[in-house]
Amino acid sequence: MLRRWALAVVCLVLLGAAVHAELPMVAASLRSLAHLRWRPAVLAVAAETASMVALALMERRILILAGLRLPFGRSVAIAYASNALSASLPVIGSGAATAFTYRRLVAQGATPALAGWALVLAGVVSNAAFVLIISTGAVISGNLAAIWAGGAGILLTFAAVGVAALAIRQPAARERVRRAAIWTLSWVQHLVRRPAGDAAGIVADVTAGLASFRPSRADVISTVVSAIRNWTFDLFCLVFSLKAAGVHVPWWGIILAWAAGAGGASLNLTPGGLGVVEAALTGALVALGVPGAPALTAVLVYRAITFWLAIAVGWAAYLYLRRLGQVSSASSPRRAAGELSTTGVSRRCS
């Protein structure tokens, strides 16, 4: 933990040095904010709103497959509040967001196993959709090596989603996965003497909620499409931010540039990747031929919507849920994260 905090401080110091070195460009970019094109800016806000709604719909669809139906508005509020927690807290943000979502699902009637598997499946589908979009961007970039890598990524993504869907839908496939997990866990226990307990019993506890999911082919497709919409609308938020700044969109490389910003956010060194995303995304746009000052202007608009506005809406959603009695005042992200560690839950942050 201390090492990550130190790395975050180093990143902020380097960012400050870079801003100081590029003060003329930063000043020009800030001045250009007064001349934004407001119609594309409004469309950027609409695109990011659609992205968060798509994320909520994906998670809601996964829960419906296990027989738990959340109200649409509650699902959107949970998605926004979880995103605000993830973006507001440095280092521990993603863990706190996962713990929060887990607790809310349990409060809505999901069993701990069901809530854990819902988050796991949401993370798997979301990451698969992200890889698919990046691979598509590599294919259309025009670079031969990127085309091959992108094509391989697309094929592997479809294969991974297909195998996961088969494992959920087919009892015989689940049984093979269970046996493989028991064998692997027994081998690990033999080597490191952890975790303690009977391997078969541990695997049975962890996989107990998986049998609750009964997805049809249409359900799988609908869930994946919602995940793709989540990322695609976020990408279009960047596109409209560029148009708001009066910048010609470099379509052939925009997906890879956007992915550079998303990668910076996933490092979680600073709250929501603050500073890291701006530097990575601006650098990627400049590498595509966008002038420095307009590129920074577009990135500032994009981050104002996807970071600052999303945090404001997210904390309002958190207070709304708290007022409804959905958030316990005594709940602790650290305590909830400890509960989640036993279920192997992971989550991606929008």
Protein backbone atom coordinates (compact mmCIF):
# COMPACT_ATOMS: atom_id res chain seq x y z
CA MET A 1 0.00 0.00 0.00
CA LEU A 2 2.79 2.45 0.96
CA ARG A 3 4.58 1.70 -2.31
CA ARG A 4 1.48 2.55 -4.35
CA TRP A 5 0.97 5.80 -2.45
CA ALA A 6 4.60 6.72 -3.11
CA LEU A 7 4.14 5.93 -6.80
CA ALA A 8 1.02 8.11 -6.88
CA VAL A 9 2.96 11.03 -5.37
CA VAL A 10 5.73 10.57 -7.96
CA CYS A 11 3.13 10.60 -10.76
CA LEU A 12 1.62 13.83 -9.45
CA VAL A 13 5.05 15.47 -9.18
CA LEU A 14 5.91 14.45 -12.74
CA LEU A 15 2.55 15.72 -13.94
CA GLY A 16 3.17 19.07 -12.25
CA ALA A 17 6.58 19.28 -13.92
CA ALA A 18 5.04 18.50 -17.30
CA VAL A 19 2.33 21.15 -16.86
CA HIS A 20 4.96 23.70 -15.88
CA ALA A 21 7.02 22.84 -18.96
CA GLU A 22 3.98 23.21 -21.22
CA LEU A 23 2.40 26.27 -19.60
CA PRO A 24 1.79 28.09 -22.93
CA MET A 25 -0.11 25.10 -24.32
CA VAL A 26 -2.08 24.66 -21.09
CA ALA A 27 -2.95 28.37 -21.01
CA ALA A 28 -4.10 28.28 -24.65
CA SER A 29 -6.19 25.22 -23.93
CA LEU A 30 -7.89 26.82 -20.93
CA ARG A 31 -8.67 29.95 -22.97
CA SER A 32 -10.23 27.83 -25.69
CA LEU A 33 -12.74 26.41 -23.18
CA ALA A 34 -14.63 29.70 -23.53
CA HIS A 35 -15.20 28.95 -27.22
CA LEU A 36 -16.57 25.41 -26.97
CA ARG A 37 -19.21 24.20 -29.37
CA TRP A 38 -22.07 23.48 -27.01
CA ARG A 39 -24.12 21.10 -29.16
CA PRO A 40 -21.35 18.45 -29.30
CA ALA A 41 -20.68 19.08 -25.59
CA VAL A 42 -24.32 18.27 -24.77
CA LEU A 43 -24.09 15.15 -26.95
CA ALA A 44 -20.96 14.14 -25.00
CA VAL A 45 -22.92 14.36 -21.75
CA ALA A 46 -25.73 12.30 -23.30
CA ALA A 47 -23.24 9.67 -24.51
CA GLU A 48 -21.68 9.26 -21.07
CA THR A 49 -25.12 9.02 -19.47
CA ALA A 50 -26.00 6.27 -21.95
CA SER A 51 -22.72 4.53 -21.06
CA MET A 52 -23.60 4.39 -17.36
CA VAL A 53 -27.15 3.23 -18.12
CA ALA A 54 -25.73 0.43 -20.31
CA LEU A 55 -23.47 -0.65 -17.43
CA ALA A 56 -26.46 -0.76 -15.08
CA LEU A 57 -28.50 -2.74 -17.62
CA MET A 58 -25.71 -5.29 -18.03
CA GLU A 59 -25.48 -5.90 -14.28
CA ARG A 60 -29.28 -5.97 -13.99
CA ARG A 61 -29.55 -8.53 -16.80
CA ILE A 62 -27.04 -10.83 -15.09
CA LEU A 63 -29.05 -10.70 -11.85
CA ILE A 64 -32.29 -11.39 -13.73
CA LEU A 65 -30.71 -14.58 -15.09
CA ALA A 66 -30.47 -15.81 -11.48
CA GLY A 67 -34.02 -14.78 -10.61
CA LEU A 68 -33.35 -11.42 -8.91
CA ARG A 69 -35.00 -8.42 -10.60
CA LEU A 70 -33.89 -4.96 -9.45
CA PRO A 71 -35.88 -1.83 -10.32
CA PHE A 72 -34.28 0.00 -13.25
CA GLY A 73 -33.76 3.24 -11.33
CA ARG A 74 -32.17 1.41 -8.41
CA SER A 75 -29.78 -0.37 -10.77
CA VAL A 76 -28.67 2.93 -12.33
CA ALA A 77 -28.24 4.55 -8.91
CA ILE A 78 -26.06 1.66 -7.70
CA ALA A 79 -23.93 1.85 -10.86
CA TYR A 80 -23.38 5.61 -10.46
CA ALA A 81 -22.67 5.38 -6.71
CA SER A 82 -20.23 2.51 -7.22
CA ASN A 83 -18.44 4.47 -9.94
CA ALA A 84 -18.18 7.51 -7.65
CA LEU A 85 -16.58 5.43 -4.91
CA SER A 86 -14.11 3.92 -7.37
CA ALA A 87 -13.18 7.28 -8.87
CA SER A 88 -13.01 9.23 -5.61
CA LEU A 89 -10.71 6.99 -3.58
CA PRO A 90 -7.07 6.53 -4.59
CA VAL A 91 -5.55 3.04 -4.47
CA ILE A 92 -8.51 1.39 -2.68
CA GLY A 93 -11.23 2.83 -4.94
CA SER A 94 -11.99 -0.29 -6.97
CA GLY A 95 -12.10 -2.48 -3.85
CA ALA A 96 -14.45 -0.06 -2.06
CA ALA A 97 -16.69 0.09 -5.15
CA THR A 98 -16.84 -3.70 -5.37
CA ALA A 99 -17.65 -3.97 -1.67
CA PHE A 100 -20.37 -1.34 -2.00
CA THR A 101 -22.05 -3.06 -4.96
CA TYR A 102 -21.81 -6.43 -3.23
CA ARG A 103 -23.51 -5.07 -0.10
CA ARG A 104 -26.27 -3.42 -2.12
CA LEU A 105 -27.05 -6.62 -4.00
CA VAL A 106 -27.22 -8.57 -0.76
CA ALA A 107 -29.47 -5.87 0.71
CA GLN A 108 -31.76 -6.29 -2.30
CA GLY A 109 -32.20 -9.99 -1.56
CA ALA A 110 -29.31 -11.68 -3.36
CA THR A 111 -27.47 -14.43 -1.49
CA PRO A 112 -23.78 -13.73 -0.87
CA ALA A 113 -22.81 -16.39 -3.42
CA LEU A 114 -25.19 -14.97 -6.04
CA ALA A 115 -23.98 -11.41 -5.46
CA GLY A 116 -20.36 -12.54 -5.74
CA TRP A 117 -20.90 -14.45 -8.97
CA ALA A 118 -22.94 -11.59 -10.46
CA LEU A 119 -19.98 -9.26 -9.94
CA VAL A 120 -17.53 -11.82 -11.29
CA LEU A 121 -19.60 -12.39 -14.43
CA ALA A 122 -20.13 -8.65 -14.92
CA GLY A 123 -16.37 -8.12 -14.74
CA VAL A 124 -15.67 -10.96 -17.19
CA VAL A 125 -18.21 -9.72 -19.74
CA SER A 126 -17.11 -6.08 -19.38
CA ASN A 127 -13.43 -6.93 -19.83
CA ALA A 128 -14.22 -9.13 -22.82
CA ALA A 129 -16.16 -6.27 -24.44
CA PHE A 130 -13.25 -3.89 -23.76
CA VAL A 131 -10.76 -6.25 -25.41
CA LEU A 132 -13.13 -6.69 -28.37
CA ILE A 133 -13.37 -2.92 -28.93
CA ILE A 134 -9.60 -2.42 -28.62
CA SER A 135 -9.00 -5.29 -31.03
CA THR A 136 -11.40 -3.71 -33.49
CA GLY A 137 -9.48 -0.45 -33.17
CA ALA A 138 -6.24 -2.29 -33.90
CA VAL A 139 -7.75 -3.88 -37.00
CA ILE A 140 -8.88 -0.53 -38.47
CA SER A 141 -5.64 1.26 -37.53
CA GLY A 142 -4.01 0.15 -40.76
CA ASN A 143 -0.86 -1.22 -39.11
CA LEU A 144 -0.22 -4.81 -40.24
CA ALA A 145 1.07 -6.03 -36.87
CA ALA A 146 -1.85 -4.35 -35.10
CA ILE A 147 -4.30 -5.95 -37.53
CA TRP A 148 -2.96 -9.43 -36.74
CA ALA A 149 -2.97 -8.73 -33.00
CA GLY A 150 -6.46 -7.26 -33.18
CA GLY A 151 -7.81 -10.21 -35.17
CA ALA A 152 -6.33 -12.63 -32.64
CA GLY A 153 -7.85 -10.61 -29.80
CA ILE A 154 -11.31 -10.73 -31.40
CA LEU A 155 -11.12 -14.50 -31.93
CA LEU A 156 -9.87 -15.13 -28.38
CA THR A 157 -12.59 -12.89 -26.92
CA PHE A 158 -15.36 -14.75 -28.72
CA ALA A 159 -13.81 -18.06 -27.69
CA ALA A 160 -13.56 -17.02 -24.02
CA VAL A 161 -17.15 -15.76 -23.89
CA GLY A 162 -18.34 -18.94 -25.63
CA VAL A 163 -16.54 -21.21 -23.20
CA ALA A 164 -17.84 -19.22 -20.20
CA ALA A 165 -21.42 -19.33 -21.51
CA LEU A 166 -21.13 -23.08 -22.14
CA ALA A 167 -19.78 -23.66 -18.65
CA ILE A 168 -22.73 -21.80 -17.14
CA ARG A 169 -25.42 -23.33 -19.33
CA GLN A 170 -24.30 -26.97 -19.41
CA PRO A 171 -24.20 -29.04 -16.17
CA ALA A 172 -21.65 -31.39 -17.75
CA ALA A 173 -19.34 -28.46 -18.52
CA ARG A 174 -19.75 -27.09 -14.99
CA GLU A 175 -18.81 -30.50 -13.62
CA ARG A 176 -15.58 -30.54 -15.63
CA VAL A 177 -14.75 -27.05 -14.39
CA ARG A 178 -15.50 -28.14 -10.81
CA ARG A 179 -13.18 -31.15 -11.06
CA ALA A 180 -10.42 -29.06 -12.58
CA ALA A 181 -10.81 -26.47 -9.80
CA ILE A 182 -10.64 -29.14 -7.09
CA TRP A 183 -7.51 -30.67 -8.63
CA THR A 184 -5.85 -27.25 -8.94
CA LEU A 185 -6.76 -26.20 -5.40
CA SER A 186 -5.53 -29.52 -3.96
CA TRP A 187 -2.20 -29.02 -5.74
CA VAL A 188 -1.92 -25.46 -4.37
CA GLN A 189 -2.75 -26.65 -0.85
CA HIS A 190 -0.07 -29.32 -1.13
CA LEU A 191 2.53 -26.70 -2.07
CA VAL A 192 1.69 -23.76 0.22
CA ARG A 193 -0.63 -25.34 2.82
CA ARG A 194 -3.29 -22.72 2.05
CA PRO A 195 -6.19 -22.26 2.04
CA ALA A 196 -7.01 -24.62 4.86
CA GLY A 197 -9.90 -27.03 4.51
CA ASP A 198 -11.22 -29.67 2.16
CA ALA A 199 -10.64 -28.69 -1.45
CA ALA A 200 -13.96 -30.10 -2.64
CA GLY A 201 -15.85 -28.24 0.07
CA ILE A 202 -14.14 -24.94 -0.69
CA VAL A 203 -14.89 -25.24 -4.41
CA ALA A 204 -18.49 -26.20 -3.64
CA ASP A 205 -18.93 -23.08 -1.48
CA VAL A 206 -17.41 -20.79 -4.09
CA THR A 207 -19.37 -22.22 -7.02
CA ALA A 208 -22.66 -22.59 -5.14
CA GLY A 209 -24.24 -19.52 -6.76
CA LEU A 210 -23.13 -20.33 -10.31
CA ALA A 211 -25.85 -22.94 -10.80
CA SER A 212 -28.45 -20.21 -10.20
CA PHE A 213 -27.70 -18.71 -13.61
CA ARG A 214 -29.66 -20.17 -16.53
CA PRO A 215 -28.76 -18.00 -19.53
CA SER A 216 -30.13 -18.68 -22.98
CA ARG A 217 -28.18 -17.73 -26.09
CA ALA A 218 -30.29 -14.55 -26.35
CA ASP A 219 -29.47 -13.69 -22.71
CA VAL A 220 -25.73 -14.05 -23.34
CA ILE A 221 -25.93 -11.90 -26.47
CA SER A 222 -28.00 -9.24 -24.68
CA THR A 223 -25.52 -9.07 -21.79
CA VAL A 224 -22.50 -8.80 -24.10
CA VAL A 225 -24.21 -6.12 -26.21
CA SER A 226 -24.92 -4.07 -23.07
CA ALA A 227 -21.24 -4.31 -22.11
CA ILE A 228 -20.19 -3.21 -25.61
CA ARG A 229 -22.63 -0.28 -25.44
CA ASN A 230 -21.13 0.75 -22.09
CA TRP A 231 -17.65 1.12 -23.60
CA THR A 232 -18.82 2.40 -27.00
CA PHE A 233 -20.85 5.26 -25.56
CA ASP A 234 -17.85 6.26 -23.43
CA LEU A 235 -15.76 6.28 -26.61
CA PHE A 236 -18.35 8.52 -28.30
CA CYS A 237 -18.17 10.86 -25.33
CA LEU A 238 -14.53 11.41 -26.31
CA VAL A 239 -15.49 11.83 -29.98
CA PHE A 240 -18.07 14.52 -29.15
CA SER A 241 -15.58 16.18 -26.77
CA LEU A 242 -13.15 16.49 -29.69
CA LYS A 243 -15.89 18.00 -31.84
CA ALA A 244 -16.79 20.40 -29.01
CA ALA A 245 -13.17 21.58 -29.02
CA GLY A 246 -13.35 22.09 -32.80
CA VAL A 247 -10.97 19.21 -33.52
CA HIS A 248 -11.15 16.89 -36.51
CA VAL A 249 -11.63 13.35 -35.16
CA PRO A 250 -8.79 10.98 -36.22
CA TRP A 251 -11.13 8.04 -36.81
CA TRP A 252 -8.41 5.60 -37.83
CA GLY A 253 -6.75 5.78 -34.41
CA ILE A 254 -9.38 7.17 -32.03
CA ILE A 255 -10.15 3.79 -30.43
CA LEU A 256 -6.52 3.14 -29.51
CA ALA A 257 -6.14 6.70 -28.17
CA TRP A 258 -9.27 6.24 -26.04
CA ALA A 259 -7.90 2.90 -24.82
CA ALA A 260 -4.73 4.67 -23.64
CA GLY A 261 -6.86 6.90 -21.41
CA ALA A 262 -8.86 3.94 -20.12
CA GLY A 263 -5.61 2.14 -19.31
CA GLY A 264 -4.42 5.16 -17.33
CA ALA A 265 -7.63 5.13 -15.28
CA SER A 266 -7.29 1.41 -14.53
CA LEU A 267 -3.90 1.96 -12.84
CA ASN A 268 -5.79 3.59 -9.94
CA LEU A 269 -2.69 5.44 -8.76
CA THR A 270 -4.69 8.63 -8.22
CA PRO A 271 -8.45 9.09 -7.75
CA GLY A 272 -10.01 8.06 -11.06
CA GLY A 273 -6.60 8.22 -12.71
CA LEU A 274 -6.63 12.01 -12.22
CA GLY A 275 -3.67 13.50 -14.07
CA VAL A 276 -2.57 10.13 -15.44
CA VAL A 277 -5.53 9.84 -17.83
CA GLU A 278 -5.19 13.45 -18.99
CA ALA A 279 -1.51 13.00 -19.78
CA ALA A 280 -1.93 9.62 -21.50
CA LEU A 281 -4.96 10.63 -23.56
CA THR A 282 -3.54 13.99 -24.62
CA GLY A 283 -0.27 12.33 -25.63
CA ALA A 284 -2.13 9.70 -27.64
CA LEU A 285 -4.19 12.33 -29.47
CA VAL A 286 -1.10 14.41 -30.26
CA ALA A 287 0.55 11.26 -31.64
CA LEU A 288 -2.43 10.95 -34.00
CA GLY A 289 -1.79 14.45 -35.34
CA VAL A 290 -4.15 16.51 -33.17
CA PRO A 291 -2.57 19.88 -32.18
CA GLY A 292 -1.52 20.00 -28.54
CA ALA A 293 -3.76 22.79 -27.17
CA PRO A 294 -7.01 21.60 -28.84
CA ALA A 295 -6.20 18.02 -27.81
CA LEU A 296 -5.86 19.08 -24.18
CA THR A 297 -9.08 21.09 -24.42
CA ALA A 298 -10.97 18.04 -25.70
CA VAL A 299 -9.49 15.87 -22.95
CA LEU A 300 -10.47 18.40 -20.27
CA VAL A 301 -14.05 18.41 -21.59
CA TYR A 302 -14.08 14.60 -21.71
CA ARG A 303 -12.77 14.31 -18.16
CA ALA A 304 -15.12 17.00 -16.86
CA ILE A 305 -17.98 14.78 -18.02
CA THR A 306 -16.67 11.28 -17.31
CA PHE A 307 -14.90 12.12 -14.04
CA TRP A 308 -16.16 15.27 -12.32
CA LEU A 309 -19.79 15.17 -13.46
CA ALA A 310 -19.98 11.39 -12.94
CA ILE A 311 -18.64 11.77 -9.39
CA ALA A 312 -21.18 14.49 -8.60
CA VAL A 313 -24.07 12.37 -9.90
CA GLY A 314 -22.64 9.28 -8.21
CA TRP A 315 -22.43 10.81 -4.75
CA ALA A 316 -25.95 12.20 -5.20
CA ALA A 317 -27.04 8.64 -6.03
CA TYR A 318 -25.21 7.37 -2.94
CA LEU A 319 -27.07 9.88 -0.74
CA TYR A 320 -30.33 8.89 -2.44
CA LEU A 321 -29.72 5.22 -1.65
CA ARG A 322 -28.75 6.11 1.90
CA ARG A 323 -31.96 8.07 2.34
CA LEU A 324 -33.91 5.04 1.16
CA GLY A 325 -32.17 2.99 3.83
CA GLN A 326 -30.17 1.00 1.27
CA VAL A 327 -26.80 2.05 2.69
CA SER A 328 -25.96 1.22 6.30
CA SER A 329 -24.24 4.09 8.08
CA ALA A 330 -22.14 1.55 9.95
CA SER A 331 -20.94 -0.23 6.80
CA SER A 332 -17.20 -0.12 6.18
CA PRO A 333 -15.58 -0.58 2.75
CA ARG A 334 -12.62 -2.27 4.41
CA ARG A 335 -14.87 -4.73 6.27
CA ALA A 336 -16.92 -5.45 3.14
CA ALA A 337 -13.76 -5.95 1.11
CA GLY A 338 -12.72 -8.58 3.64
CA GLU A 339 -16.02 -10.37 3.14
CA LEU A 340 -15.55 -10.28 -0.62
CA SER A 341 -12.06 -11.71 -0.48
CA THR A 342 -13.50 -15.10 0.27
CA THR A 343 -15.63 -15.12 -2.89
CA GLY A 344 -13.04 -14.11 -5.43
CA VAL A 345 -15.09 -11.16 -6.65
CA SER A 346 -13.60 -8.72 -9.10
CA ARG A 347 -15.07 -5.76 -10.88
CA ARG A 348 -14.09 -3.36 -13.58
CA CYS A 349 -14.57 0.39 -12.96
CA SER A 350 -16.33 2.49 -15.63
